[in-house]
């Protein structure tokens, strides 16, 4: 690959110009991943740069653990166990989770751009919400999820919600009234799909009473097909239904894969989420791995 001047944006050899020669200017050994990196000097502006200049991993001391950590955190391994397996400090893993989530979001944006470039708008989707918790069952969280029929995850988010049932009064007594962000976040998730979803698309969901009104405001020409909620096939697997044929199989199977591959979403686990922001980062990591690896043909 022809190098580009990465240090001087005003240089006539800057990216997009393809002008001016580049001269080899030595090399150095990068300890973070045991690779030899070549340096270059721009003949036009005299600035020097290396193959690593402009890389998102620039300046990292342990970049060799990025890829294995991405796989481990998307395969049901907790942060502490990943730090033990990779022989790095758990603080390093926590920091790299944030970095890898940022890169995963950029990759997901490129994944969605593919629909725009091909002018192939999506005509059939399924959406619903999963539930998990923030440190305690008294502080539940909702995860709006939108998938295609071939189980590609298009959008997700995390929303706070009040406790329900017998836990509602105890939650108010211990933590105060909890704001319900579900409708606001679901609306934001659906709005983010306007550019890649057909105006006359078919949306499938359960019989949540809030969905028809919300969908009508965002996609007024779309049709909405609802399915009555069913029991889970076994205790603890609410996403997989105990019926011969599930109309929402793509959605429910994807939600079950979330439960199986994101450690903090396991049923009966002590690896709970302490901050919704970190749950959002972990889900971004898994969504990219799910779309790029687990559901490839």
Protein backbone atom coordinates (compact mmCIF):
# COMPACT_ATOMS: atom_id res chain seq x y z
CA UNK A 1 0.00 0.00 0.00
CA UNK A 2 1.30 3.45 -0.93
CA UNK A 3 1.96 5.55 2.20
CA UNK A 4 0.33 8.94 2.70
CA UNK A 5 1.62 11.95 4.56
CA UNK A 6 -0.07 11.58 7.94
CA UNK A 7 1.58 14.43 9.81
CA UNK A 8 0.92 17.52 7.69
CA UNK A 9 -2.63 17.94 6.41
CA UNK A 10 -1.64 20.92 4.25
CA UNK A 11 0.96 18.91 2.41
CA UNK A 12 0.20 18.32 -1.27
CA UNK A 13 0.91 14.64 -0.61
CA UNK A 14 -1.82 14.42 2.03
CA UNK A 15 -4.54 11.71 1.72
CA UNK A 16 -6.65 12.12 -1.38
CA UNK A 17 -3.94 13.89 -3.43
CA UNK A 18 -1.63 10.96 -4.26
CA UNK A 19 1.22 13.36 -5.12
CA UNK A 20 4.84 13.45 -4.11
CA UNK A 21 7.33 10.65 -3.30
CA UNK A 22 8.00 9.13 0.10
CA UNK A 23 11.42 8.04 1.29
CA UNK A 24 12.14 5.19 3.68
CA UNK A 25 13.38 6.69 6.92
CA UNK A 26 14.37 3.70 9.04
CA UNK A 27 12.28 1.47 11.27
CA UNK A 28 11.72 0.56 14.89
CA UNK A 29 10.67 -2.49 16.88
CA UNK A 30 7.27 -2.12 18.55
CA UNK A 31 7.24 -4.04 21.82
CA UNK A 32 3.46 -3.84 22.27
CA UNK A 33 2.90 -6.47 19.56
CA UNK A 34 6.47 -7.52 18.59
CA UNK A 35 6.35 -6.04 15.09
CA UNK A 36 8.84 -4.07 13.03
CA UNK A 37 7.32 -0.74 11.94
CA UNK A 38 8.78 1.21 9.02
CA UNK A 39 9.17 4.96 9.05
CA UNK A 40 8.77 7.29 6.06
CA UNK A 41 9.66 10.88 5.19
CA UNK A 42 7.58 13.03 2.87
CA UNK A 43 9.72 14.63 0.14
CA UNK A 44 7.24 17.51 -0.20
CA UNK A 45 7.01 18.79 3.37
CA UNK A 46 9.94 17.00 5.02
CA UNK A 47 7.77 15.58 7.78
CA UNK A 48 8.35 12.00 8.91
CA UNK A 49 5.80 9.45 9.99
CA UNK A 50 5.43 5.72 10.47
CA UNK A 51 2.98 3.02 9.48
CA UNK A 52 1.43 3.37 12.95
CA UNK A 53 0.74 7.11 12.67
CA UNK A 54 -3.00 7.74 12.67
CA UNK A 55 -3.85 4.25 13.95
CA UNK A 56 -6.58 4.15 16.64
CA UNK A 57 -4.20 1.99 18.71
CA UNK A 58 -1.44 4.62 18.56
CA UNK A 59 0.34 4.89 21.91
CA UNK A 60 -1.06 1.69 23.42
CA UNK A 61 1.41 -0.46 25.34
CA UNK A 62 -0.53 -3.74 25.16
CA UNK A 63 -2.20 -3.70 21.78
CA UNK A 64 -1.57 -7.44 21.34
CA UNK A 65 -4.44 -8.19 23.75
CA UNK A 66 -7.04 -6.16 21.83
CA UNK A 67 -8.21 -8.90 19.48
CA UNK A 68 -8.22 -11.81 21.98
CA UNK A 69 -9.98 -9.59 24.52
CA UNK A 70 -12.63 -8.72 21.94
CA UNK A 71 -13.28 -12.42 21.36
CA UNK A 72 -13.32 -13.32 25.07
CA UNK A 73 -15.75 -10.56 26.07
CA UNK A 74 -18.04 -11.60 23.19
CA UNK A 75 -17.93 -15.26 24.24
CA UNK A 76 -19.30 -15.24 27.78
CA UNK A 77 -16.06 -14.48 29.65
CA UNK A 78 -16.13 -11.95 32.47
CA UNK A 79 -13.74 -9.00 32.69
CA UNK A 80 -11.84 -10.44 35.66
CA UNK A 81 -11.48 -13.87 34.06
CA UNK A 82 -10.32 -12.24 30.81
CA UNK A 83 -7.64 -10.32 32.72
CA UNK A 84 -6.44 -13.60 34.27
CA UNK A 85 -6.39 -15.44 30.94
CA UNK A 86 -4.55 -12.63 29.13
CA UNK A 87 -2.27 -11.94 32.13
CA UNK A 88 -3.03 -8.24 32.30
CA UNK A 89 -4.44 -6.10 35.09
CA UNK A 90 -8.22 -5.91 35.37
CA UNK A 91 -8.01 -2.11 35.12
CA UNK A 92 -6.38 -2.58 31.71
CA UNK A 93 -9.30 -4.78 30.65
CA UNK A 94 -11.82 -2.21 31.88
CA UNK A 95 -10.09 0.57 29.93
CA UNK A 96 -9.77 -1.53 26.80
CA UNK A 97 -13.47 -2.37 26.96
CA UNK A 98 -14.22 1.33 26.46
CA UNK A 99 -11.69 1.61 23.61
CA UNK A 100 -12.88 -1.55 21.85
CA UNK A 101 -16.50 -0.43 22.20
CA UNK A 102 -15.65 2.83 20.43
CA UNK A 103 -14.06 0.90 17.56
CA UNK A 104 -17.03 -1.50 17.47
CA UNK A 105 -19.46 1.42 17.10
CA UNK A 106 -17.45 2.76 14.16
CA UNK A 107 -17.48 -0.69 12.58
CA UNK A 108 -21.23 -0.94 13.13
CA UNK A 109 -21.73 2.39 11.39
CA UNK A 110 -19.85 1.02 8.39
CA UNK A 111 -22.04 -2.07 8.54
CA UNK A 112 -25.18 0.09 8.34
CA UNK A 113 -23.70 2.19 5.53
CA UNK A 114 -23.63 -0.92 3.35
CA UNK A 115 -27.44 -0.79 3.23
CA UNK A 116 -27.33 2.84 2.10
CA UNK A 117 -24.66 2.29 -0.55
CA UNK A 118 -26.56 -0.57 -2.17
CA UNK A 119 -29.89 1.28 -1.92
CA UNK A 120 -31.29 -1.95 -0.48
CA UNK A 121 -33.71 -0.74 2.19
CA UNK A 122 -34.82 -3.21 4.84
CA UNK A 123 -38.46 -4.24 4.46
CA UNK A 124 -38.97 -6.59 7.43
CA UNK A 125 -37.79 -6.21 11.01
CA UNK A 126 -38.52 -7.49 14.50
CA UNK A 127 -38.14 -5.45 17.67
CA UNK A 128 -38.72 -5.86 21.39
CA UNK A 129 -37.03 -5.24 24.74
CA UNK A 130 -34.89 -7.42 26.97
CA UNK A 131 -34.60 -6.89 30.70
CA UNK A 132 -31.56 -7.03 32.94
CA UNK A 133 -30.46 -5.25 36.09
CA UNK A 134 -28.08 -2.61 37.38
CA UNK A 135 -26.35 -4.01 40.46
CA UNK A 136 -29.67 -5.11 42.02
CA UNK A 137 -33.06 -6.44 40.99
CA UNK A 138 -34.46 -3.26 42.50
CA UNK A 139 -32.81 -1.28 39.67
CA UNK A 140 -33.85 -3.00 36.40
CA UNK A 141 -32.70 -2.00 32.94
CA UNK A 142 -34.35 -2.39 29.55
CA UNK A 143 -32.50 -3.19 26.30
CA UNK A 144 -34.47 -2.24 23.14
CA UNK A 145 -33.39 -4.47 20.28
CA UNK A 146 -34.07 -4.36 16.52
CA UNK A 147 -33.04 -7.26 14.26
CA UNK A 148 -33.59 -8.39 10.69
CA UNK A 149 -35.05 -11.72 9.61
CA UNK A 150 -31.54 -13.09 9.05
CA UNK A 151 -30.65 -12.20 12.68
CA UNK A 152 -28.48 -9.16 11.98
CA UNK A 153 -28.64 -6.65 14.83
CA UNK A 154 -29.45 -3.18 13.51
CA UNK A 155 -29.82 -1.16 16.69
CA UNK A 156 -29.90 -1.41 20.48
CA UNK A 157 -29.63 0.79 23.55
CA UNK A 158 -29.98 0.70 27.33
CA UNK A 159 -32.77 2.41 29.29
CA UNK A 160 -33.49 2.69 33.00
CA UNK A 161 -36.90 1.53 34.19
CA UNK A 162 -38.74 1.24 37.53
CA UNK A 163 -39.06 -2.09 39.29
CA UNK A 164 -42.29 -4.04 38.81
CA UNK A 165 -44.48 -6.30 40.91
CA UNK A 166 -43.56 -7.04 44.50
CA UNK A 167 -40.21 -5.29 44.13
CA UNK A 168 -41.72 -1.91 43.17
CA UNK A 169 -42.44 -0.65 46.70
CA UNK A 170 -39.12 -1.93 48.05
CA UNK A 171 -37.24 -0.24 45.20
CA UNK A 172 -38.89 3.13 45.90
CA UNK A 173 -38.19 2.78 49.62
CA UNK A 174 -34.50 1.96 49.15
CA UNK A 175 -33.49 3.96 46.03
CA UNK A 176 -36.31 6.43 45.48
CA UNK A 177 -38.48 6.77 42.40
CA UNK A 178 -36.71 5.57 39.28
CA UNK A 179 -37.24 7.35 35.97
CA UNK A 180 -38.76 5.29 33.15
CA UNK A 181 -36.68 5.88 29.99
CA UNK A 182 -38.07 3.02 27.90
CA UNK A 183 -40.32 4.94 25.51
CA UNK A 184 -37.77 7.72 24.97
CA UNK A 185 -34.93 5.28 24.24
CA UNK A 186 -37.05 3.04 22.01
CA UNK A 187 -38.08 6.10 20.02
CA UNK A 188 -34.41 7.07 19.62
CA UNK A 189 -33.54 3.54 18.46
CA UNK A 190 -36.27 3.52 15.79
CA UNK A 191 -35.42 7.03 14.61
CA UNK A 192 -31.84 5.92 14.00
CA UNK A 193 -33.07 3.43 11.39
CA UNK A 194 -34.93 5.92 9.18
CA UNK A 195 -32.21 5.97 6.51
CA UNK A 196 -31.94 2.19 6.03
CA UNK A 197 -35.55 1.03 6.56
CA UNK A 198 -38.25 1.31 3.94
CA UNK A 199 -41.17 3.62 4.72
CA UNK A 200 -43.52 0.71 4.04
CA UNK A 201 -41.58 -1.87 6.01
CA UNK A 202 -43.20 -4.63 8.07
CA UNK A 203 -42.45 -4.43 11.79
CA UNK A 204 -43.09 -7.46 14.01
CA UNK A 205 -43.26 -7.38 17.79
CA UNK A 206 -45.21 -8.67 20.78
CA UNK A 207 -48.43 -7.04 22.01
CA UNK A 208 -46.82 -4.26 24.02
CA UNK A 209 -49.52 -1.53 24.13
CA UNK A 210 -47.00 1.30 23.63
CA UNK A 211 -45.49 0.01 20.38
CA UNK A 212 -48.33 0.80 17.87
CA UNK A 213 -48.52 4.51 18.80
CA UNK A 214 -44.75 4.91 18.85
CA UNK A 215 -44.28 3.16 15.52
CA UNK A 216 -47.07 5.13 13.86
CA UNK A 217 -45.34 8.43 14.64
CA UNK A 218 -41.97 7.37 13.20
CA UNK A 219 -43.03 5.10 10.32
CA UNK A 220 -46.59 6.17 9.47
CA UNK A 221 -46.74 4.06 6.29
CA UNK A 222 -45.30 0.89 7.84
CA UNK A 223 -47.39 -2.09 8.87
CA UNK A 224 -47.19 -3.53 12.38
CA UNK A 225 -47.79 -7.22 13.06
CA UNK A 226 -48.11 -8.30 16.69
CA UNK A 227 -47.73 -11.72 18.28
CA UNK A 228 -49.04 -12.80 21.65
CA UNK A 229 -46.30 -13.41 24.19
CA UNK A 230 -45.57 -17.03 25.08
CA UNK A 231 -43.85 -18.88 27.90
CA UNK A 232 -40.19 -19.76 27.76
CA UNK A 233 -39.21 -23.30 26.79
CA UNK A 234 -37.49 -23.98 30.15
CA UNK A 235 -37.02 -22.04 33.36
CA UNK A 236 -34.47 -19.26 32.86
CA UNK A 237 -34.72 -19.20 29.06
CA UNK A 238 -37.50 -16.72 28.51
CA UNK A 239 -36.25 -15.77 25.05
CA UNK A 240 -36.66 -19.28 23.60
CA UNK A 241 -40.38 -20.07 23.40
CA UNK A 242 -42.16 -23.33 24.12
CA UNK A 243 -44.06 -23.48 20.83
CA UNK A 244 -43.52 -25.47 17.60
CA UNK A 245 -43.11 -22.34 15.47
CA UNK A 246 -42.15 -18.94 16.81
CA UNK A 247 -43.15 -15.94 14.60
CA UNK A 248 -40.51 -13.86 16.40
CA UNK A 249 -37.79 -16.51 16.22
CA UNK A 250 -35.12 -14.20 14.76
CA UNK A 251 -35.59 -11.72 17.60
CA UNK A 252 -35.91 -14.26 20.39
CA UNK A 253 -32.97 -16.34 19.17
CA UNK A 254 -30.79 -13.22 18.97
CA UNK A 255 -31.84 -12.22 22.49
CA UNK A 256 -30.95 -15.73 23.68
CA UNK A 257 -27.52 -15.35 22.09
CA UNK A 258 -27.09 -12.11 24.04
CA UNK A 259 -27.79 -14.06 27.22
CA UNK A 260 -25.32 -16.79 26.22
CA UNK A 261 -22.42 -14.60 25.09
CA UNK A 262 -22.48 -11.48 27.29
CA UNK A 263 -21.45 -12.51 30.78
CA UNK A 264 -23.34 -9.78 32.63
CA UNK A 265 -26.60 -10.89 30.98
CA UNK A 266 -26.37 -14.50 32.21
CA UNK A 267 -29.28 -15.81 34.24
CA UNK A 268 -28.35 -16.25 37.92
CA UNK A 269 -24.92 -14.61 37.66
CA UNK A 270 -22.91 -12.51 40.08
CA UNK A 271 -21.32 -10.57 37.19
CA UNK A 272 -23.86 -7.78 37.25
CA UNK A 273 -23.66 -4.35 35.64
CA UNK A 274 -22.55 -1.52 37.91
CA UNK A 275 -22.94 1.25 35.34
CA UNK A 276 -25.39 1.28 32.39
CA UNK A 277 -22.66 2.94 30.28
CA UNK A 278 -20.42 -0.12 30.63
CA UNK A 279 -23.32 -2.40 29.72
CA UNK A 280 -23.83 -0.29 26.61
CA UNK A 281 -20.12 -0.65 25.76
CA UNK A 282 -20.17 -4.41 26.29
CA UNK A 283 -23.25 -4.79 24.09
CA UNK A 284 -21.64 -2.68 21.34
CA UNK A 285 -18.68 -5.05 21.42
CA UNK A 286 -20.90 -8.12 21.12
CA UNK A 287 -23.18 -6.64 18.42
CA UNK A 288 -20.23 -6.06 16.12
CA UNK A 289 -18.90 -9.60 16.77
CA UNK A 290 -22.39 -11.05 16.26
CA UNK A 291 -22.89 -9.33 12.89
CA UNK A 292 -19.36 -9.80 11.56
CA UNK A 293 -18.55 -13.31 12.84
CA UNK A 294 -21.38 -15.32 14.37
CA UNK A 295 -24.01 -14.73 11.67
CA UNK A 296 -21.83 -14.77 8.57
CA UNK A 297 -22.83 -17.25 5.88
